[in-house]
Every structure is written in C-alpha cells, then in structure tokens.
C-alpha cells in the first residue's frame, strides 16, 4: 500500500507548491448561481421558489470523482439507504420505504426493469449527468404508479457546442473504466455520441490488489464474493433548437454481464457450475417542446426494452471448456417493454394563476418462461391537472389531481395539495399527497421454482394506496461572508394493502406475495448548508421509524427507529485544486420477527463510510486529474443478529456493505 500513500503525498506537495496563496488572493468556491429544478414543476423553476421541497445533487458533488453511478452518490444522502446485492445490484429506500415504491426517471422518462422490486441504480452511469433531483413523498399526480415513497429524476447534460471528452478511471479494487463523448454543433443543432465501458474484475476478502488483471488458477479462489462485472453503453443524441420549439431525440443501448463462478465440485474438483447474468437495455425517445405566446406544449415519446437473461454452464476446469446445462430451471430469459406517450399543456407567465393539464398513456408487457402463461400485459391511461395559485407575495397554493384507468385495477382518484409560505428569506412548505401503486408483473404472475427457490405470484393482489404528510421549513441567514441554510422536515407515510413476500406454505417452504394490512413510516430530518469564500460544508441527521406489524399482538414498540448522519465538505485549495470529503453513518436498523411464536428483535449494525478525493485542473483546464480513497475506515461486512434467511445472505449472519479501503485515480481530457 505504500506506493498509493506516496502517490497521494507527491500529488499534494505538487499542488501546494503550485497554488496561489489564499492570503494574497481570495478564492471563491461558490457563486450564487441560480439552481433550477424541473421535477414535478410547471416549468423550470428556481429551487427556492418550488412548492415541493426538492433536493439537488449538483455538479460540485458529481465532479468530485468519488462517484461512478447513481447508486454510489445516493448512498451518501440523508433519508436514503442503499443496499448492495452481489447479483441483483443496488437498491434503495426513501423515508423507510423501499424499492418498488421509488420512482426512478431519466429526464422525466421512467426506468423499467426491476429485480426484486428495485431498479439496479449501479447500471446508471454519471458520465453525462448534470444533476439529480430528489422529491421525498408521493408524486403520483404527476408521475403515476410507483411514486409513493419518492421520485428520483436524473437530469442529463444538454450539449450545445462541439467538444471531445475522454475519461479514464482506475481503482485498486480492480475497476477499469473509460468513457468518451463526442459532440458536434451542426448549423445550430447538436449531435452527440457517448460510449462507456466499465469493468470490474471481482473481489473477495483478503484478495491482493493488482494494477493489471492477470490469469488466475481455476481453484477455490475463482469464486468471488463480489462478482466480476462488465458494462458497455452507447448513446446517440440529436437536439434541434429553434426560437419557438426544441426537439431532443435519443437512442441508447446498454449491455451488462455479471459472472458468478462456482466453487470446484467434489470429489476431484475438476468441474464447476458457472452462471452468467446478462442485462440488455434499449431506450428510444423524443422530448418535444413548443412555445406559443404564454402557452407551452411538451410531448414525451418513449420506448424502453429490458431483457434479463441467466445462463448456467458446466465448466471443465482442466481445459476450461463449458457446456450449457440442459436443466430448464437453471436458464431464464425475461423480456419487458414499455411504450409511453405524455402530452402536457401549461402556462407559467401569469402573476396569479398558472396551470398544467396533461395526459399520460403507457403500455407494458412481459414475457418469459417464469411469467404465468409466458405473456402478460397491462396499460395505464391517465389525465392530470395542476393549478398554482399565488394568493399574495407570501402564500402560494398548488392543488393537483390525477384520474387513472388501469386495465387490471380500479384506480382511485389521486389528489395532492401543497402550500408554500414565505417570510423574508425563510420558507415553510406543507403538503399532503395520495399515492397509488398497482402490483407489477412479478408480484402478479411470476413463477420461480427450482432447487433454491419456490416463489409463486398472486393474481388476487389488490393495489397499494398511500397517504403522505410533510412539513418542511427552510431558514436562511447571511452573516458577513457566510451563508447558512437549514432545512427541517417532518413526515408521515401510511400505506394500506402493502405488498410483501410471505411464506404461504410451511410444509413446502413456498413463498408468495400478499397484501398486509398497513405499513407506516414517520420521521424527522435536519440538514444544514454553510457556504463561505473557499469552502462549503453540509451536515445532516435523520431519525426514521418503521412500522412494526407485530405490535398489536405483542407488548413491543409500534415503530422501530434508526438514526443516520452525514457530512460533506468541499474546500478550494488555490485556483486549480479542490478537496472533497464525504462521510455517512448508517445507523443500527432494528426489526422484530416471530420465532416459535415469540417476537425476537434482530438488527443490522451501524457502520461508517468515509471517502476523500482531490481534483486538480491542469494545462488551461484541458486535463483534470483526480486521486482519492474510498471507504477509508475499511468496512466490508456488518453483523446482523438473529436469523437471516434472505436469499443472497451469507451463512454467518453478515451483510456485505463494501470492498474495504480502496484508492483510485482518474484523468479527464478535453481534446
């Protein structure tokens, strides 16, 4: 490891010698540039004027070099928990509500392809992301089903000029990434091509670091706790920009391969079973905007195709030949398709009353050997309207409603109400929102029966409905050159007919999806941002309670509470260098289970993750070099007390949370 510490030391010495003196020349890290948001808004709106409380992960955090994908950057956020699965990828919960109830969008287009109820956010690269907007609580009136716990909208960069950018990345865990962007301005229009390849060589505890991957013996070390992974993506954009309209067209292809090498089989250890998990995504769409006087029209057209395939091979470890296993239960391919048309008419120029009216049409289908009757489809047709009424300079109101026709479920009317109160630079936001989520294909029609699984879908499921209440206050103060913004939020979520996977037959160990009566979460969070001339510091704390459905029958608490803490700091070290620090403490997470008809408390331990990076701009900003360290506290696994019967958990009741301490370097070239 000494060589990595030496590299960091040399980099820092070179930087300190080259930078300007902070005493002689004041360096400004943050200018008061206006931040705009679009998620759930009538049009682009300044974040401080949005009636919803919208959290932004902006360019400063994304350019720190510490984060490669959406999952890694969200893992440092308050009120959000990210869980890593070695095969299923990264999933999240917001306000204590997980996966299936979190809506994930890219430029307002839903991302499909849920595994175990969650979108694998590690498949979404940050290479061309401008910002991430997060709204906690339902946005079902605007975005429909799945938007119960919260909405994550990933906003990509809009290229407007000719440029070439090449980025390389190396991490001592065995990650080798490269990205390339080519943008050309053609008579005022912009054509962009993006290519990315991310490669991870796999890792196990006590594995030695290697600068370059080498061939390994086909012995027991071939099995990796963290599976080797390769991702390749291509994306083409063509944007037309005119005075009265704009058209953004895109086509994207994404391929991922996860390799799960099996342990050598007894008695001679000459053979093994290897599994390959393939993900294929194709996204095609257009975002068309027209403006006529005070009125705006937006048309979103999208087609998303998602394929997940599993192959199992019988591997000969002497000559490395392999044969496809003929057992049907060890092979699987599932196809999912989404067609979407969304049309919106709005105005935003009135001083008193603005509105938005839209239709949202989407059709989905799924086919595969594990889908009941091998094919299923469903459609949603919705009409929604939003009104923003400015009572006076201090009070704004925003009622909205969504009418839904679902081809399989009778959907309720989905209303929401938001209010914004201003005084001086301070604000109070109060909101109520109803949510609705129809069961997905997996919960209804999935059949997964093999030697390790016995999961059956349930066609009798009813849809989930939720109610969310939220109060947020924002207090801003300027003292000399220091600007402080404090956000305090209190929330309560209640979900009826919550869908969970439950053991439906103890004799056969069969699991199926059922509606449980109620589920609820409640909590409070506080975030503070401090900005001074050459530094920006953020810290926050949250306290979230999750409903315990055993409390009615046993003398135990109604809610199980956990505390999270995060801190981030960005320092300007001279004109050319920045230091970035991100820390999060994920608190102890308790829950109760029944064992021999007695409630037993189990919990996962708290853990701390600390990351650090240094960015250095060189040669007139044509090259940006980043070096850093991740997981400095060297956390790999955390303990979970009691019985741990999850599908992919280890036998010693530990949960994997990271690779341990790693070092990385990145070079970004503007050609």
Foldseek 3Di string as FASTA:
>chain_A
DVVQVVVVVVVVVVLQVPFDDCVVPFFFDDDPDFDWDDVLDLGTDGQLPDLFNKDKDADVNLPQPPDWWPLVSCCQDPQKHWAQDLPQAIWMAGLPHTAQLEFEEEQLHTDDDHDPRHDRRRQGTPPFFGMKMKGAAAPCLVNNASRGGIYIYTYGDDDFAFFKKKKWKDWQQAKTKIKIKTWHQDPRKIKIKIKIKIWHPAAAPPDGTDRDDDDDALAQVVAGPRWTKMKIKMKIWIWDDDDFKIKIWMKMKMKMKTKGWAHQDDDPSFKTKIKIKMKIKIKTWMWMWGDDVQKIKIKIWMKMKIKIWMWIWIAGSPVRDIDTDPPPLRIWMKIKMKTKIKMKMWGDPDPFKIKMKMKIKMKMKMAIPQFAVRIDIKIKIKIKMKMWGDPDPFKIKIKMWMDMDIPLAHDDIWIKIWMWGDDDSKIKIKMKTKHKHDDDRCQATGARDDPQAGEGHHNPQHIKMKMKIKMKMWDWDDDPQKIKIKIKMWMKMKMAQDWDWDQPDPVVSHIHIGGDGMKMKIWMKMKMWMGGRFKIKIKMKMKMWIAAPCVVPDVDDRTWIWMKIKMWMWGDDRDFKIKIKIKMKGTKGWYWDADPNDTDIKIWHIDMKIWIKMWGADDVNQKIKMKIKTRQVFDFWIAIDDDDDDSRDDPRRIRGDDDGMMIMMMMMGID
